[in-house]
Protein backbone atom coordinates (compact mmCIF):
# COMPACT_ATOMS: atom_id res chain seq x y z
CA MET A 1 159.25 155.05 87.09
CA ASP A 2 161.83 156.08 84.96
CA SER A 3 161.48 153.96 81.48
CA LYS A 4 165.33 154.98 80.73
CA ASN A 5 166.62 153.81 83.73
CA THR A 6 165.65 149.83 84.41
CA SER A 7 167.93 148.30 86.87
CA LYS A 8 167.75 145.00 85.29
CA PRO A 9 168.37 144.34 81.56
CA VAL A 10 165.54 142.85 79.29
CA GLY A 11 165.70 139.17 77.73
CA VAL A 12 164.89 138.76 74.52
CA ILE A 13 164.75 134.52 72.92
CA GLY A 14 165.31 134.31 69.21
CA ALA A 15 167.80 136.43 67.16
CA GLY A 16 165.74 136.51 64.14
CA SER A 17 164.65 139.41 62.27
CA PHE A 18 161.63 140.31 64.34
CA GLY A 19 163.75 139.17 67.54
CA THR A 20 166.41 141.01 66.51
CA ALA A 21 164.40 144.30 65.96
CA ILE A 22 162.49 143.87 69.08
CA ALA A 23 165.87 143.82 71.05
CA ASN A 24 167.08 146.91 69.25
CA ILE A 25 163.56 148.70 70.02
CA LEU A 26 164.17 147.63 73.52
CA ALA A 27 167.55 148.91 73.91
CA GLU A 28 166.51 152.69 73.71
CA ASN A 29 165.15 151.92 76.98
CA SER A 30 167.12 149.35 78.48
CA ASP A 31 169.97 147.09 78.39
CA VAL A 32 169.25 143.95 76.60
CA VAL A 33 170.53 140.35 76.57
CA LEU A 34 169.68 138.34 72.80
CA PHE A 35 169.86 134.88 72.93
CA ALA A 36 170.58 132.88 70.06
CA ARG A 37 171.28 129.18 70.11
CA LYS A 38 173.27 128.55 67.07
CA GLN A 39 177.14 129.86 67.91
CA GLU A 40 177.64 131.31 64.16
CA ALA A 41 175.16 133.48 65.03
CA ILE A 42 176.47 134.70 68.57
CA ASP A 43 180.01 135.15 66.83
CA GLU A 44 178.39 137.51 64.21
CA MET A 45 176.96 139.89 66.90
CA HIS A 46 180.38 139.73 69.08
CA ASN A 47 182.64 140.25 66.16
CA LEU A 48 180.59 142.35 63.67
CA ARG A 49 177.23 143.67 66.04
CA ILE A 50 175.45 142.49 63.18
CA SER A 51 172.23 139.84 63.67
CA ASN A 52 170.00 138.98 60.88
CA GLY A 53 171.47 141.49 58.88
CA GLN A 54 170.60 144.08 61.24
CA THR A 55 173.12 146.34 63.15
CA LEU A 56 172.76 145.65 66.71
CA HIS A 57 172.09 148.57 69.34
CA HIS A 58 175.48 148.98 71.70
CA LYS A 59 172.99 148.30 74.56
CA VAL A 60 172.22 144.32 73.38
CA THR A 61 174.67 141.76 74.44
CA PRO A 62 174.46 138.53 72.49
CA SER A 63 174.13 135.25 74.83
CA ASN A 64 173.80 131.48 74.08
CA ASP A 65 173.06 130.58 77.93
CA LEU A 66 169.76 130.59 78.79
CA GLU A 67 170.23 129.97 82.73
CA TYR A 68 172.28 133.75 81.96
CA VAL A 69 169.51 135.13 80.35
CA ALA A 70 166.64 134.27 82.90
CA SER A 71 168.78 134.72 85.93
CA ASN A 72 169.71 138.40 84.77
CA CYS A 73 166.41 139.36 83.17
CA ASP A 74 162.71 139.66 84.90
CA ILE A 75 161.17 140.01 81.76
CA ILE A 76 161.55 138.24 78.80
CA PHE A 77 160.53 138.40 75.41
CA PRO A 78 160.59 134.73 73.54
CA ILE A 79 160.40 135.53 69.78
CA VAL A 80 160.92 131.81 68.39
CA PRO A 81 159.11 130.40 65.51
CA SER A 82 155.90 128.53 66.56
CA SER A 83 157.19 125.23 65.48
CA ASN A 84 160.02 125.35 68.35
CA PHE A 85 158.48 127.53 70.48
CA ARG A 86 157.47 124.54 73.04
CA GLU A 87 160.94 122.75 72.85
CA ALA A 88 162.39 126.83 73.93
CA ILE A 89 159.93 127.21 76.15
CA LYS A 90 160.84 124.15 77.78
CA ASP A 91 164.79 124.66 77.85
CA LEU A 92 164.22 127.78 79.57
CA SER A 93 161.63 126.78 82.00
CA PRO A 94 164.46 125.36 84.40
CA PHE A 95 165.69 128.65 84.94
CA LEU A 96 162.62 130.84 85.27
CA HIS A 97 160.67 131.48 89.09
CA PRO A 98 157.16 133.15 89.58
CA TYR A 99 158.29 136.39 89.80
CA HIS A 100 159.13 136.52 85.77
CA ILE A 101 157.26 138.01 83.10
CA LEU A 102 157.09 136.56 79.89
CA ILE A 103 155.88 138.44 76.68
CA HIS A 104 155.81 136.44 73.44
CA GLY A 105 156.26 137.85 69.62
CA THR A 106 155.37 134.64 67.83
CA LYS A 107 152.16 134.26 65.46
CA GLY A 108 151.43 130.69 65.22
CA MET A 109 149.99 127.47 67.26
CA ASP A 110 150.69 124.50 68.95
CA ILE A 111 149.08 121.31 68.36
CA SER A 112 149.41 118.07 70.50
CA LEU A 113 147.69 114.83 68.67
CA PRO A 114 146.70 111.65 69.89
CA ASN A 115 149.31 108.76 69.34
CA ASN A 116 150.12 107.62 65.73
CA SER A 117 148.07 110.30 64.30
CA SER A 118 148.77 113.01 62.07
CA ILE A 119 147.38 116.67 61.09
CA GLU A 120 147.52 115.46 57.37
CA ASP A 121 145.00 112.59 57.95
CA ASP A 122 141.51 113.75 56.27
CA ASP A 123 139.37 111.81 59.52
CA LEU A 124 141.60 113.93 62.30
CA ILE A 125 139.08 116.20 64.21
CA LEU A 126 140.89 118.88 65.94
CA ASN A 127 139.31 120.50 69.06
CA ARG A 128 140.29 123.66 70.68
CA GLU A 129 141.88 121.58 73.21
CA ASN A 130 144.34 120.13 71.35
CA VAL A 131 145.44 123.67 69.93
CA ARG A 132 147.41 125.84 72.34
CA THR A 133 148.64 129.63 71.82
CA MET A 134 152.03 130.12 72.97
CA SER A 135 150.89 132.12 76.03
CA GLU A 136 149.15 128.76 76.77
CA ILE A 137 152.38 126.95 75.76
CA ILE A 138 154.58 129.32 78.63
CA ARG A 139 151.53 128.21 81.37
CA ASP A 140 152.11 124.21 80.53
CA GLU A 141 155.68 124.26 80.49
CA SER A 142 157.01 126.76 83.49
CA VAL A 143 155.98 128.25 86.64
CA VAL A 144 155.63 131.48 84.83
CA VAL A 145 152.06 133.29 85.53
CA ARG A 146 152.21 136.77 83.81
CA VAL A 147 152.44 136.15 80.34
CA GLY A 148 151.39 138.43 77.51
CA CYS A 149 152.25 138.93 73.68
CA LEU A 150 153.39 141.51 71.00
CA ALA A 151 151.19 141.70 68.18
CA GLY A 152 150.09 144.25 65.30
CA PRO A 153 151.51 145.85 62.12
CA ASN A 154 155.02 144.85 62.78
CA LEU A 155 157.19 144.29 59.41
CA ALA A 156 160.49 143.43 61.20
CA LYS A 157 162.12 144.97 57.78
CA GLU A 158 160.01 148.45 58.53
CA LEU A 159 161.28 148.16 62.33
CA ALA A 160 164.92 147.48 61.64
CA ASP A 161 165.14 151.46 59.52
CA ASN A 162 162.92 153.22 62.20
CA GLN A 163 159.95 153.31 60.01
CA PRO A 164 156.92 154.63 62.79
CA ALA A 165 155.24 151.48 63.53
CA ALA A 166 152.71 150.48 66.95
CA THR A 167 151.83 147.22 68.53
CA VAL A 168 149.31 145.95 71.06
CA VAL A 169 150.82 144.18 74.14
CA ALA A 170 148.22 141.91 75.43
CA SER A 171 147.99 140.21 78.78
CA HIS A 172 144.86 139.21 81.53
CA PHE A 173 147.54 141.42 84.09
CA ASP A 174 147.66 145.02 83.66
CA GLU A 175 151.06 145.17 85.02
CA VAL A 176 152.18 142.83 81.97
CA ILE A 177 150.57 145.56 79.63
CA GLU A 178 152.03 148.41 81.73
CA GLU A 179 155.51 147.22 81.33
CA GLY A 180 155.38 145.97 77.73
CA LYS A 181 154.68 149.57 77.15
CA ARG A 182 157.23 151.34 79.52
CA LEU A 183 159.97 149.12 77.83
CA LEU A 184 158.86 149.17 74.13
CA ARG A 185 157.28 152.88 73.81
CA ASN A 186 159.61 155.63 71.93
CA ASP A 187 159.24 158.30 69.60
CA ARG A 188 158.60 156.01 66.74
CA PHE A 189 156.70 153.07 68.52
CA GLN A 190 153.60 153.49 69.97
CA VAL A 191 152.11 150.84 72.60
CA TYR A 192 148.77 150.13 73.02
CA GLY A 193 147.29 147.90 75.76
CA ASN A 194 144.35 144.87 75.59
CA SER A 195 143.14 142.62 77.90
CA ASP A 196 141.88 140.11 75.65
CA LEU A 197 145.06 137.77 75.34
CA ILE A 198 143.67 134.55 73.43
CA GLY A 199 141.70 136.95 71.03
CA VAL A 200 145.02 139.16 69.97
CA GLU A 201 146.85 135.88 69.59
CA LEU A 202 144.22 134.67 67.54
CA CYS A 203 144.74 137.58 65.15
CA GLY A 204 148.22 137.12 64.83
CA VAL A 205 147.74 133.64 63.70
CA LEU A 206 144.63 134.23 61.52
CA LYS A 207 145.71 136.93 59.58
CA ASN A 208 148.48 135.01 57.93
CA ILE A 209 146.15 133.01 56.30
CA ILE A 210 144.74 135.80 54.75
CA ALA A 211 148.13 137.33 53.75
CA ILE A 212 149.02 134.09 51.53
CA ALA A 213 145.86 134.59 49.77
CA SER A 214 146.43 137.99 49.18
CA GLY A 215 150.22 137.43 47.84
CA ALA A 216 148.51 134.88 45.20
CA LEU A 217 146.14 137.29 44.19
CA SER A 218 149.47 139.83 43.65
CA GLY A 219 151.28 137.31 42.08
CA MET A 220 148.35 136.80 39.46
CA GLY A 221 148.46 140.20 38.57
CA LEU A 222 144.80 141.14 39.88
CA GLY A 223 144.49 144.70 41.18
CA GLU A 224 143.43 146.52 44.56
CA ASN A 225 139.66 145.77 44.19
CA ALA A 226 140.39 142.04 44.26
CA ARG A 227 142.70 142.75 47.26
CA ALA A 228 139.90 145.09 48.93
CA LEU A 229 137.82 142.44 48.26
CA LEU A 230 139.74 139.72 50.36
CA VAL A 231 140.95 141.65 53.37
CA SER A 232 137.37 142.54 53.85
CA ARG A 233 135.81 139.03 53.60
CA GLY A 234 139.16 137.57 55.33
CA MET A 235 138.39 140.55 58.10
CA VAL A 236 134.94 138.64 58.64
CA GLU A 237 136.30 134.92 58.37
CA MET A 238 138.87 135.59 60.92
CA ILE A 239 136.18 136.94 63.38
CA TYR A 240 134.17 133.78 62.80
CA LEU A 241 137.09 131.67 63.59
CA GLY A 242 138.53 133.89 66.30
CA ARG A 243 134.59 134.32 68.09
CA ALA A 244 134.75 130.29 67.61
CA LEU A 245 138.01 129.52 69.34
CA GLY A 246 137.65 132.07 72.46
CA GLY A 247 138.36 135.48 71.11
CA ASN A 248 136.53 138.73 71.27
CA ILE A 249 135.44 140.64 68.27
CA GLU A 250 136.47 143.93 69.26
CA SER A 251 140.35 142.42 69.30
CA PHE A 252 139.87 141.62 65.54
CA ILE A 253 138.95 145.39 64.46
CA GLY A 254 142.04 146.93 66.48
CA LEU A 255 145.45 147.15 65.65
CA ALA A 256 146.08 143.74 66.26
CA GLY A 257 143.40 142.55 63.72
CA VAL A 258 142.94 144.71 61.07
CA GLY A 259 145.62 146.76 61.29
CA ASP A 260 148.16 143.69 61.15
CA LEU A 261 146.08 142.10 58.34
CA VAL A 262 146.17 145.52 56.20
CA ALA A 263 150.02 145.44 56.72
CA THR A 264 150.88 141.46 55.93
CA CYS A 265 147.95 141.56 53.03
CA SER A 266 149.51 144.70 51.19
CA SER A 267 153.53 144.11 51.71
CA THR A 268 156.35 142.28 49.85
CA LEU A 269 158.14 142.27 53.00
CA SER A 270 155.77 139.58 54.21
CA ARG A 271 156.91 136.26 54.60
CA ASN A 272 153.50 134.69 53.97
CA PHE A 273 152.64 137.64 51.46
CA THR A 274 155.61 136.11 49.65
CA VAL A 275 154.66 132.55 49.61
CA GLY A 276 151.46 133.33 48.07
CA SER A 277 153.01 135.57 45.09
CA ARG A 278 155.54 132.61 44.54
CA LEU A 279 152.35 130.26 44.55
CA ALA A 280 150.76 132.06 41.98
CA LYS A 281 153.84 132.02 39.79
CA GLY A 282 153.79 128.69 39.56
CA GLU A 283 156.50 127.46 42.09
CA LYS A 284 155.76 124.51 44.39
CA LEU A 285 155.54 124.55 48.24
CA GLU A 286 157.85 122.62 48.74
CA GLU A 287 160.38 124.69 46.91
CA ILE A 288 159.26 127.70 48.43
CA MET A 289 159.67 126.51 51.77
CA ARG A 290 163.36 125.24 51.14
CA SER A 291 164.45 128.69 49.98
CA MET A 292 163.17 130.40 52.70
CA GLU A 293 165.35 131.66 55.72
CA GLU A 294 162.83 131.61 58.36
CA THR A 295 159.45 130.32 58.71
CA ALA A 296 156.04 131.22 57.10
CA GLU A 297 153.60 130.63 59.71
CA GLY A 298 150.65 130.75 57.60
CA ILE A 299 151.60 127.48 55.93
CA ASN A 300 151.06 125.41 59.25
CA THR A 301 148.60 127.67 60.66
CA THR A 302 146.22 127.13 57.87
CA ARG A 303 146.21 123.28 58.04
CA ILE A 304 145.46 123.62 61.61
CA VAL A 305 142.95 126.13 61.03
CA LYS A 306 141.16 124.41 58.34
CA LYS A 307 140.75 121.52 60.80
CA LEU A 308 139.20 123.44 63.61
CA ALA A 309 136.79 125.33 60.83
CA ASP A 310 135.64 121.84 60.09
CA ASN A 311 134.97 120.87 63.44
CA TYR A 312 133.08 123.94 64.67
CA LYS A 313 131.44 124.11 61.29
CA VAL A 314 132.62 127.93 60.91
CA ARG A 315 132.03 128.94 57.44
CA ALA A 316 136.05 129.82 56.12
CA PRO A 317 136.02 129.66 52.54
CA ILE A 318 139.74 131.38 52.14
CA THR A 319 140.93 129.10 54.72
CA GLN A 320 139.26 126.08 52.77
CA MET A 321 139.92 127.21 49.11
CA LEU A 322 143.98 127.85 50.66
CA HIS A 323 144.39 124.35 52.32
CA LYS A 324 143.61 122.96 48.92
CA VAL A 325 146.25 125.26 46.88
CA LEU A 326 148.87 124.56 49.66
CA PHE A 327 148.31 120.98 49.82
CA GLU A 328 145.80 119.44 47.71
CA ASP A 329 146.77 120.76 44.22
CA LEU A 330 144.29 123.02 43.31
CA THR A 331 145.38 125.75 41.33
CA VAL A 332 145.17 129.71 42.46
CA GLU A 333 142.95 130.24 39.46
CA ASP A 334 140.64 127.53 40.50
CA ALA A 335 140.41 128.62 43.84
CA LEU A 336 139.79 132.41 42.85
CA GLN A 337 137.34 131.27 40.38
CA TYR A 338 135.08 129.60 43.08
CA LEU A 339 135.60 132.31 46.04
CA MET A 340 133.89 134.86 43.65
CA LYS A 341 130.87 132.29 43.31
CA TYR A 342 130.63 131.57 46.55
CA PRO A 343 126.91 132.47 47.88
CA LEU A 344 127.18 135.16 50.53
CA ASN A 345 124.26 137.32 50.97
CA VAL A 346 124.71 139.53 53.86
CA ASP A 347 128.14 141.69 53.66
CA ILE A 348 128.56 141.02 58.16
CA ASP A 349 126.28 139.52 60.51
CA PHE A 350 128.34 139.03 63.38
CA LEU A 351 127.37 142.40 64.89
């Protein structure tokens, strides 16, 4: 099939920086319908052809009508913050059919808790059954079966600037992977496939924790040796956690794992990196969150993963220390001192 001649447009739900960048990439091969909930965002797209600071490709049509998106697009890319993801899928669900394909680009987790309990409760025990990836939410809340995700070193600003990059489309269905490749691939954007959907989703989730820690190192003025130590130990921690939560080791040592980890741990364009850097310079978490226009997924992820690590008895010292920095008033300096003294006698022991 000629990728330049798709008969139906492709939908994108969410006009944030990454959603807009993906819409523009898709528009090189197809017509695109870009959904935004807020009327002011729709007006800006219509009147100025701008979304989230990015100039829209001429083949991108803005819409705030989910029924229109679903009825005109067989393939839809939901790219909204994890805190809003379930609500967004519930809103879209009445218009979805089994023939739809959904490929999400959200790097976060969703939790369902017993009544009257909170993620902040010290005695809360989180199981994998309480935690859903975004693909699992799609399956929970809609009739869609063919589900996939995007993950990889995809900093939105670089995508918007047409810098070369690559991504992974993961799905249990070969058809979803092939459609993702067909729709997204161009001369500057390479697309790989992976059948380990949960593992690839977990890569995108867990690396945000390490990215906050890396930003903290940068904010303290520490060098590349320290960052290399953090990234390599962070990769091992991600693999331990990912394996406990249902992912395959192979996914973590690929583009969606180590590739995305390197990008987000070394770039000031990463929201999670920025959170860590500002924390290390003395800002309070509440101030940082209030001033950020878009969600740094690693903050909530740290809360969730710390509980999971406790329950599954996974060794996760970076996650544990970052949790203390974010939510228990430990200083970045004290956390680093602890990590430097943490007894690790073996480099890797998961192979």
